[in-house]
N, C-alpha and C. Protein backbone atom coordinates (compact mmCIF):
# COMPACT_ATOMS: atom_id res chain seq x y z
N MET A 1 98.75 159.15 56.58
CA MET A 1 99.14 157.90 57.19
C MET A 1 97.90 157.01 57.31
N SER A 2 98.02 155.76 56.99
CA SER A 2 96.91 154.82 57.00
C SER A 2 96.95 153.99 58.28
N GLN A 3 96.29 154.49 59.32
CA GLN A 3 96.30 153.82 60.61
C GLN A 3 94.89 153.74 61.19
N ILE A 4 94.73 152.76 62.08
CA ILE A 4 93.51 152.68 62.89
C ILE A 4 93.92 152.57 64.35
N LEU A 5 93.04 152.98 65.23
CA LEU A 5 93.25 152.82 66.67
C LEU A 5 92.58 151.53 67.09
N THR A 6 93.30 150.68 67.79
CA THR A 6 92.76 149.38 68.20
C THR A 6 92.18 149.46 69.61
N GLY A 7 91.53 148.38 70.02
CA GLY A 7 90.92 148.31 71.34
C GLY A 7 91.92 148.48 72.47
N SER A 8 93.18 148.10 72.23
CA SER A 8 94.21 148.25 73.26
C SER A 8 94.85 149.64 73.22
N LEU A 9 94.25 150.52 72.44
CA LEU A 9 94.70 151.91 72.29
C LEU A 9 96.08 152.01 71.64
N LYS A 10 96.36 151.09 70.74
CA LYS A 10 97.58 151.15 69.94
C LYS A 10 97.19 151.56 68.53
N TRP A 11 98.03 152.34 67.90
CA TRP A 11 97.81 152.67 66.50
C TRP A 11 98.37 151.56 65.65
N PHE A 12 97.58 151.10 64.70
CA PHE A 12 97.99 150.03 63.79
C PHE A 12 98.13 150.61 62.40
N SER A 13 99.30 150.41 61.78
CA SER A 13 99.59 150.95 60.46
C SER A 13 99.37 149.91 59.37
N TYR A 14 98.57 150.27 58.38
CA TYR A 14 98.38 149.40 57.22
C TYR A 14 99.59 149.47 56.28
N ASP A 15 100.25 150.61 56.27
CA ASP A 15 101.41 150.80 55.39
C ASP A 15 102.62 150.00 55.85
N ALA A 16 102.85 150.01 57.16
CA ALA A 16 104.03 149.33 57.70
C ALA A 16 103.70 148.77 59.08
N PRO A 17 102.93 147.67 59.11
CA PRO A 17 102.57 147.10 60.42
C PRO A 17 103.81 146.62 61.17
N GLN A 18 103.85 146.96 62.44
CA GLN A 18 104.97 146.59 63.30
C GLN A 18 104.50 145.60 64.36
N GLN A 19 105.39 144.73 64.79
CA GLN A 19 105.03 143.71 65.78
C GLN A 19 104.46 144.33 67.05
N GLU A 20 105.01 145.46 67.48
CA GLU A 20 104.54 146.08 68.73
C GLU A 20 103.14 146.65 68.61
N GLN A 21 102.62 146.79 67.41
CA GLN A 21 101.26 147.26 67.20
C GLN A 21 100.24 146.13 67.31
N ILE A 22 100.72 144.91 67.29
CA ILE A 22 99.85 143.72 67.25
C ILE A 22 99.64 143.21 68.67
N ASN A 23 98.39 142.96 69.01
CA ASN A 23 98.03 142.54 70.36
C ASN A 23 97.05 141.37 70.25
N ILE A 24 97.35 140.26 70.92
CA ILE A 24 96.51 139.07 70.82
C ILE A 24 95.10 139.33 71.35
N GLU A 25 94.97 140.18 72.36
CA GLU A 25 93.63 140.49 72.88
C GLU A 25 92.81 141.25 71.84
N ASP A 26 93.46 142.16 71.11
CA ASP A 26 92.76 142.87 70.02
C ASP A 26 92.29 141.87 68.97
N ILE A 27 93.16 140.94 68.62
CA ILE A 27 92.82 139.93 67.61
C ILE A 27 91.65 139.08 68.08
N ALA A 28 91.75 138.55 69.30
CA ALA A 28 90.69 137.68 69.83
C ALA A 28 89.36 138.42 69.89
N HIS A 29 89.38 139.65 70.38
CA HIS A 29 88.13 140.41 70.48
C HIS A 29 87.53 140.66 69.11
N SER A 30 88.34 141.18 68.20
CA SER A 30 87.83 141.53 66.88
C SER A 30 87.30 140.31 66.14
N LEU A 31 88.06 139.21 66.15
CA LEU A 31 87.61 138.02 65.42
C LEU A 31 86.36 137.41 66.05
N SER A 32 86.17 137.62 67.35
CA SER A 32 84.99 137.04 68.00
C SER A 32 83.70 137.78 67.63
N ILE A 33 83.83 139.00 67.13
CA ILE A 33 82.63 139.77 66.75
C ILE A 33 82.55 140.03 65.25
N THR A 34 83.55 139.58 64.50
CA THR A 34 83.55 139.75 63.04
C THR A 34 82.86 138.55 62.41
N THR A 35 81.79 138.79 61.68
CA THR A 35 81.02 137.68 61.12
C THR A 35 81.62 137.17 59.82
N ARG A 36 81.41 135.89 59.60
CA ARG A 36 81.76 135.26 58.33
C ARG A 36 80.58 135.48 57.36
N PHE A 37 80.85 135.32 56.09
CA PHE A 37 79.82 135.37 55.05
C PHE A 37 79.02 136.68 55.06
N ALA A 38 79.72 137.79 55.35
CA ALA A 38 79.11 139.11 55.36
C ALA A 38 77.88 139.17 56.27
N GLY A 39 77.84 138.33 57.31
CA GLY A 39 76.73 138.34 58.25
C GLY A 39 75.43 137.80 57.69
N GLN A 40 75.49 137.01 56.62
CA GLN A 40 74.28 136.54 55.94
C GLN A 40 73.74 135.21 56.51
N THR A 41 74.28 134.78 57.64
CA THR A 41 73.78 133.58 58.32
C THR A 41 73.46 133.98 59.76
N LYS A 42 72.98 133.03 60.55
CA LYS A 42 72.90 133.34 61.97
C LYS A 42 74.33 133.65 62.43
N PHE A 43 74.46 134.30 63.57
CA PHE A 43 75.78 134.78 63.98
C PHE A 43 76.81 133.65 63.99
N TYR A 44 77.85 133.85 63.21
CA TYR A 44 78.97 132.92 63.15
C TYR A 44 80.21 133.76 62.87
N SER A 45 81.16 133.71 63.78
CA SER A 45 82.29 134.63 63.69
C SER A 45 83.55 133.98 63.10
N VAL A 46 84.43 134.85 62.67
CA VAL A 46 85.75 134.43 62.19
C VAL A 46 86.50 133.75 63.33
N GLY A 47 86.31 134.22 64.55
CA GLY A 47 86.95 133.60 65.71
C GLY A 47 86.53 132.15 65.90
N GLN A 48 85.24 131.88 65.77
CA GLN A 48 84.76 130.51 65.90
C GLN A 48 85.33 129.65 64.77
N HIS A 49 85.32 130.17 63.56
CA HIS A 49 85.90 129.47 62.41
C HIS A 49 87.38 129.14 62.69
N SER A 50 88.11 130.10 63.21
CA SER A 50 89.54 129.90 63.48
C SER A 50 89.77 128.85 64.56
N LEU A 51 88.94 128.89 65.59
CA LEU A 51 89.05 127.86 66.64
C LEU A 51 88.85 126.47 66.06
N TYR A 52 87.77 126.29 65.31
CA TYR A 52 87.52 124.99 64.70
C TYR A 52 88.68 124.56 63.81
N THR A 53 89.17 125.48 63.00
CA THR A 53 90.25 125.16 62.08
C THR A 53 91.49 124.70 62.84
N SER A 54 91.74 125.28 64.00
CA SER A 54 92.93 124.91 64.78
C SER A 54 92.88 123.48 65.31
N PHE A 55 91.69 122.89 65.34
CA PHE A 55 91.55 121.52 65.83
C PHE A 55 91.62 120.46 64.73
N ILE A 56 91.58 120.87 63.46
CA ILE A 56 91.55 119.86 62.40
C ILE A 56 92.84 119.80 61.59
N VAL A 57 93.86 120.52 62.02
CA VAL A 57 95.17 120.44 61.38
C VAL A 57 96.08 119.57 62.23
N PRO A 58 97.18 119.08 61.67
CA PRO A 58 98.18 118.43 62.54
C PRO A 58 98.58 119.40 63.65
N HIS A 59 98.77 118.87 64.84
CA HIS A 59 98.98 119.71 66.02
C HIS A 59 100.11 120.73 65.83
N LYS A 60 101.14 120.38 65.09
CA LYS A 60 102.26 121.30 64.92
C LYS A 60 101.87 122.57 64.16
N TYR A 61 100.72 122.57 63.49
CA TYR A 61 100.24 123.75 62.77
C TYR A 61 99.01 124.38 63.41
N ALA A 62 98.68 123.96 64.62
CA ALA A 62 97.45 124.45 65.26
C ALA A 62 97.49 125.96 65.52
N LEU A 63 98.65 126.48 65.92
CA LEU A 63 98.73 127.91 66.17
C LEU A 63 98.59 128.70 64.86
N GLU A 64 99.21 128.22 63.79
CA GLU A 64 99.03 128.86 62.49
C GLU A 64 97.56 128.84 62.08
N ALA A 65 96.90 127.72 62.31
CA ALA A 65 95.48 127.61 61.95
C ALA A 65 94.63 128.55 62.79
N LEU A 66 94.94 128.64 64.08
CA LEU A 66 94.18 129.55 64.94
C LEU A 66 94.32 131.00 64.45
N LEU A 67 95.50 131.35 63.97
CA LEU A 67 95.78 132.74 63.59
C LEU A 67 95.77 132.96 62.08
N HIS A 68 95.29 131.99 61.31
CA HIS A 68 95.35 132.13 59.85
C HIS A 68 94.52 133.29 59.32
N ASP A 69 93.50 133.70 60.04
CA ASP A 69 92.69 134.86 59.64
C ASP A 69 92.89 136.05 60.57
N ALA A 70 93.97 136.05 61.34
CA ALA A 70 94.20 137.12 62.32
C ALA A 70 94.30 138.50 61.66
N ALA A 71 94.76 138.56 60.42
CA ALA A 71 94.82 139.86 59.73
C ALA A 71 93.44 140.50 59.65
N GLU A 72 92.40 139.67 59.65
CA GLU A 72 91.03 140.19 59.56
C GLU A 72 90.62 140.97 60.81
N ALA A 73 91.39 140.86 61.88
CA ALA A 73 91.16 141.70 63.05
C ALA A 73 91.42 143.16 62.70
N TYR A 74 92.22 143.38 61.69
CA TYR A 74 92.58 144.73 61.26
C TYR A 74 91.93 145.13 59.94
N THR A 75 91.50 144.15 59.14
CA THR A 75 90.90 144.46 57.83
C THR A 75 89.42 144.12 57.76
N THR A 76 88.92 143.36 58.67
CA THR A 76 87.60 142.73 58.72
C THR A 76 87.57 141.59 57.68
N ASP A 77 86.53 140.80 57.74
CA ASP A 77 86.38 139.69 56.80
C ASP A 77 85.72 140.22 55.53
N ILE A 78 86.33 139.95 54.42
CA ILE A 78 85.79 140.39 53.13
C ILE A 78 85.29 139.15 52.41
N PRO A 79 84.03 139.12 51.99
CA PRO A 79 83.51 137.94 51.28
C PRO A 79 84.38 137.62 50.05
N LYS A 80 84.60 136.34 49.83
CA LYS A 80 85.51 135.89 48.78
C LYS A 80 85.23 136.49 47.39
N PRO A 81 83.97 136.58 46.93
CA PRO A 81 83.76 137.17 45.60
C PRO A 81 84.26 138.62 45.52
N LEU A 82 84.02 139.39 46.58
CA LEU A 82 84.50 140.78 46.60
C LEU A 82 86.01 140.81 46.74
N LYS A 83 86.53 139.96 47.60
CA LYS A 83 87.99 139.91 47.80
C LYS A 83 88.70 139.59 46.48
N ASN A 84 88.14 138.68 45.70
CA ASN A 84 88.73 138.35 44.41
C ASN A 84 88.73 139.56 43.47
N MET A 85 87.71 140.39 43.57
CA MET A 85 87.63 141.58 42.71
C MET A 85 88.68 142.63 43.08
N ILE A 86 88.95 142.78 44.37
CA ILE A 86 89.87 143.83 44.83
C ILE A 86 91.25 143.29 45.16
N TYR A 87 91.47 141.99 44.93
CA TYR A 87 92.69 141.34 45.40
C TYR A 87 93.99 141.98 44.89
N PRO A 88 94.08 142.43 43.66
CA PRO A 88 95.34 143.05 43.25
C PRO A 88 95.74 144.23 44.14
N LEU A 89 94.78 144.99 44.60
CA LEU A 89 95.04 146.10 45.49
C LEU A 89 95.19 145.63 46.94
N PHE A 90 94.34 144.70 47.34
CA PHE A 90 94.27 144.26 48.73
C PHE A 90 95.38 143.29 49.13
N LYS A 91 95.83 142.45 48.22
CA LYS A 91 96.78 141.38 48.53
C LYS A 91 98.05 141.88 49.23
N PRO A 92 98.71 142.93 48.73
CA PRO A 92 99.93 143.38 49.42
C PRO A 92 99.68 143.86 50.84
N ILE A 93 98.53 144.47 51.07
CA ILE A 93 98.19 144.94 52.41
C ILE A 93 98.01 143.75 53.34
N GLU A 94 97.20 142.78 52.89
CA GLU A 94 96.95 141.58 53.69
C GLU A 94 98.24 140.83 53.98
N GLU A 95 99.10 140.71 52.99
CA GLU A 95 100.37 139.99 53.17
C GLU A 95 101.28 140.70 54.18
N ARG A 96 101.32 142.04 54.15
CA ARG A 96 102.13 142.78 55.14
C ARG A 96 101.64 142.49 56.55
N ILE A 97 100.32 142.49 56.71
CA ILE A 97 99.74 142.26 58.03
C ILE A 97 100.00 140.81 58.48
N GLU A 98 99.76 139.85 57.58
CA GLU A 98 100.00 138.44 57.92
C GLU A 98 101.47 138.21 58.30
N LYS A 99 102.37 138.82 57.56
CA LYS A 99 103.80 138.65 57.84
C LYS A 99 104.16 139.22 59.22
N ALA A 100 103.65 140.40 59.54
CA ALA A 100 103.92 141.01 60.84
C ALA A 100 103.35 140.16 61.98
N ILE A 101 102.14 139.65 61.80
CA ILE A 101 101.52 138.79 62.82
C ILE A 101 102.33 137.50 62.96
N SER A 102 102.74 136.92 61.86
CA SER A 102 103.52 135.68 61.89
C SER A 102 104.85 135.89 62.60
N GLU A 103 105.51 136.99 62.32
CA GLU A 103 106.77 137.28 63.00
C GLU A 103 106.55 137.49 64.50
N LYS A 104 105.49 138.20 64.85
CA LYS A 104 105.18 138.48 66.26
C LYS A 104 104.99 137.19 67.06
N PHE A 105 104.30 136.21 66.47
CA PHE A 105 103.95 135.01 67.21
C PHE A 105 104.75 133.78 66.80
N GLY A 106 105.78 133.95 65.98
CA GLY A 106 106.66 132.85 65.60
C GLY A 106 105.98 131.81 64.73
N LEU A 107 105.12 132.25 63.82
CA LEU A 107 104.39 131.33 62.96
C LEU A 107 105.16 131.05 61.68
N THR A 108 104.89 129.90 61.09
CA THR A 108 105.40 129.59 59.77
C THR A 108 104.65 130.45 58.77
N TYR A 109 105.39 131.19 57.94
CA TYR A 109 104.75 132.04 56.94
C TYR A 109 105.55 131.95 55.66
N PRO A 110 104.88 131.81 54.51
CA PRO A 110 103.43 131.70 54.37
C PRO A 110 102.90 130.45 55.10
N PHE A 111 101.60 130.48 55.39
CA PHE A 111 101.00 129.40 56.15
C PHE A 111 101.14 128.08 55.40
N PRO A 112 101.38 126.99 56.14
CA PRO A 112 101.54 125.68 55.49
C PRO A 112 100.28 125.25 54.74
N GLN A 113 100.47 124.40 53.76
CA GLN A 113 99.38 123.89 52.94
C GLN A 113 98.31 123.22 53.80
N GLU A 114 98.72 122.57 54.88
CA GLU A 114 97.76 121.90 55.78
C GLU A 114 96.75 122.89 56.35
N VAL A 115 97.19 124.12 56.61
CA VAL A 115 96.29 125.15 57.14
C VAL A 115 95.32 125.58 56.05
N LYS A 116 95.81 125.76 54.85
CA LYS A 116 94.93 126.15 53.73
C LYS A 116 93.90 125.05 53.46
N GLN A 117 94.33 123.79 53.53
CA GLN A 117 93.40 122.68 53.32
C GLN A 117 92.33 122.65 54.41
N ALA A 118 92.73 122.83 55.65
CA ALA A 118 91.77 122.84 56.76
C ALA A 118 90.79 124.01 56.63
N ASP A 119 91.30 125.15 56.19
CA ASP A 119 90.44 126.33 55.97
C ASP A 119 89.39 126.01 54.90
N ASN A 120 89.79 125.34 53.84
CA ASN A 120 88.84 124.96 52.78
C ASN A 120 87.83 123.93 53.26
N ILE A 121 88.28 122.98 54.07
CA ILE A 121 87.36 121.99 54.64
C ILE A 121 86.31 122.70 55.50
N MET A 122 86.77 123.62 56.34
CA MET A 122 85.84 124.36 57.20
C MET A 122 84.87 125.19 56.35
N PHE A 123 85.37 125.82 55.30
CA PHE A 123 84.50 126.62 54.43
C PHE A 123 83.38 125.77 53.87
N ARG A 124 83.71 124.61 53.35
CA ARG A 124 82.68 123.74 52.77
C ARG A 124 81.68 123.28 53.84
N TYR A 125 82.18 122.92 55.00
CA TYR A 125 81.30 122.48 56.08
C TYR A 125 80.40 123.64 56.55
N GLU A 126 80.98 124.82 56.70
CA GLU A 126 80.20 125.98 57.14
C GLU A 126 79.12 126.32 56.12
N MET A 127 79.47 126.30 54.84
CA MET A 127 78.48 126.60 53.80
C MET A 127 77.32 125.62 53.85
N SER A 128 77.63 124.34 53.98
CA SER A 128 76.55 123.35 53.98
C SER A 128 75.73 123.42 55.26
N SER A 129 76.36 123.73 56.37
CA SER A 129 75.64 123.76 57.64
C SER A 129 74.91 125.07 57.89
N LEU A 130 75.56 126.17 57.61
CA LEU A 130 74.97 127.47 57.94
C LEU A 130 73.90 127.90 56.94
N PHE A 131 74.06 127.52 55.66
CA PHE A 131 73.12 127.97 54.65
C PHE A 131 72.05 126.93 54.31
N LYS A 132 72.30 125.67 54.61
CA LYS A 132 71.34 124.64 54.20
C LYS A 132 70.46 124.19 55.35
N ASP A 133 71.04 123.52 56.33
CA ASP A 133 70.17 122.96 57.37
C ASP A 133 70.18 123.75 58.67
N ASN A 134 71.04 124.77 58.75
CA ASN A 134 71.07 125.66 59.91
C ASN A 134 71.29 124.92 61.23
N SER A 135 71.95 123.76 61.18
CA SER A 135 72.18 122.98 62.39
C SER A 135 73.50 123.31 63.07
N PHE A 136 74.28 124.15 62.47
CA PHE A 136 75.59 124.48 63.00
C PHE A 136 75.45 125.18 64.34
N ILE A 137 76.22 124.75 65.30
CA ILE A 137 76.17 125.36 66.63
C ILE A 137 77.06 126.60 66.64
N THR A 138 76.49 127.71 67.04
CA THR A 138 77.28 128.93 67.15
C THR A 138 77.37 129.33 68.61
N TRP A 139 78.40 130.08 68.92
CA TRP A 139 78.66 130.48 70.30
C TRP A 139 78.47 131.98 70.46
N LYS A 140 78.38 132.42 71.71
CA LYS A 140 78.27 133.84 72.01
C LYS A 140 79.64 134.50 71.82
N GLU A 141 79.63 135.75 71.41
CA GLU A 141 80.85 136.47 71.10
C GLU A 141 81.85 136.45 72.25
N ARG A 142 81.39 136.73 73.47
CA ARG A 142 82.30 136.79 74.63
C ARG A 142 82.93 135.42 74.89
N ASP A 143 82.16 134.35 74.70
CA ASP A 143 82.70 133.00 74.89
C ASP A 143 83.77 132.70 73.84
N ILE A 144 83.54 133.14 72.61
CA ILE A 144 84.52 132.91 71.55
C ILE A 144 85.83 133.62 71.88
N GLU A 145 85.73 134.86 72.33
CA GLU A 145 86.93 135.62 72.68
C GLU A 145 87.74 134.91 73.76
N LYS A 146 87.07 134.44 74.80
CA LYS A 146 87.77 133.72 75.89
C LYS A 146 88.37 132.41 75.38
N MET A 147 87.61 131.65 74.61
CA MET A 147 88.11 130.38 74.09
C MET A 147 89.30 130.60 73.15
N PHE A 148 89.23 131.64 72.33
CA PHE A 148 90.32 131.97 71.41
C PHE A 148 91.58 132.27 72.20
N LEU A 149 91.48 133.12 73.22
CA LEU A 149 92.65 133.46 74.04
C LEU A 149 93.19 132.24 74.78
N ASN A 150 92.30 131.43 75.33
CA ASN A 150 92.75 130.21 76.02
C ASN A 150 93.49 129.28 75.07
N ARG A 151 92.96 129.10 73.88
CA ARG A 151 93.61 128.23 72.88
C ARG A 151 94.95 128.82 72.47
N PHE A 152 95.03 130.12 72.28
CA PHE A 152 96.29 130.77 71.93
C PHE A 152 97.34 130.52 73.01
N HIS A 153 96.97 130.75 74.26
CA HIS A 153 97.93 130.57 75.36
C HIS A 153 98.35 129.10 75.51
N GLU A 154 97.41 128.20 75.33
CA GLU A 154 97.72 126.76 75.39
C GLU A 154 98.73 126.40 74.29
N LEU A 155 98.47 126.80 73.07
CA LEU A 155 99.36 126.46 71.96
C LEU A 155 100.70 127.17 72.06
N SER A 156 100.71 128.40 72.56
CA SER A 156 101.96 129.14 72.72
C SER A 156 102.85 128.48 73.76
N ARG A 157 102.26 128.01 74.87
CA ARG A 157 103.04 127.33 75.91
C ARG A 157 103.66 126.05 75.36
N ILE A 158 102.90 125.31 74.61
CA ILE A 158 103.40 124.06 74.05
C ILE A 158 104.59 124.34 73.12
N ARG A 159 104.50 125.40 72.33
CA ARG A 159 105.59 125.75 71.39
C ARG A 159 106.86 126.12 72.11
N THR A 160 106.74 126.71 73.29
CA THR A 160 107.95 127.19 74.00
C THR A 160 108.58 126.12 74.87
N LEU A 161 107.93 124.97 74.99
CA LEU A 161 108.51 123.88 75.81
C LEU A 161 109.64 123.20 75.10
């Protein structure tokens, strides 16, 4: 069986992820300490990237943008060149996880084009800022986790109104 134990002490299955295995606190914690770009810049996490992305999409897609990389809480962030090499094997796993997360939190899946565009905008900005002039402001891991959870709860409340 292909499972991992999460921070909330739930077993998460890669073969058949279930909604009850998914926990927003696990996602927020993991993404806040998972680095982008294989850790090759000053500390910059997937959680910070996701927070920024959630602010540059139309508001109706903000929750999708916040959680667009949530599967990486269970798979970690894989640099794009490597991901492209292993994608035929990796893609079905990632899609199962994304679908389960989307169902759990009522997200549009597959993610809207606006989310993909915002993700690409952030990627270009991060590359130019983190690798060139190093002026990008990064946050502490614990602050990112709290901000991620606050943003999730804010957006979830708005959706249920």
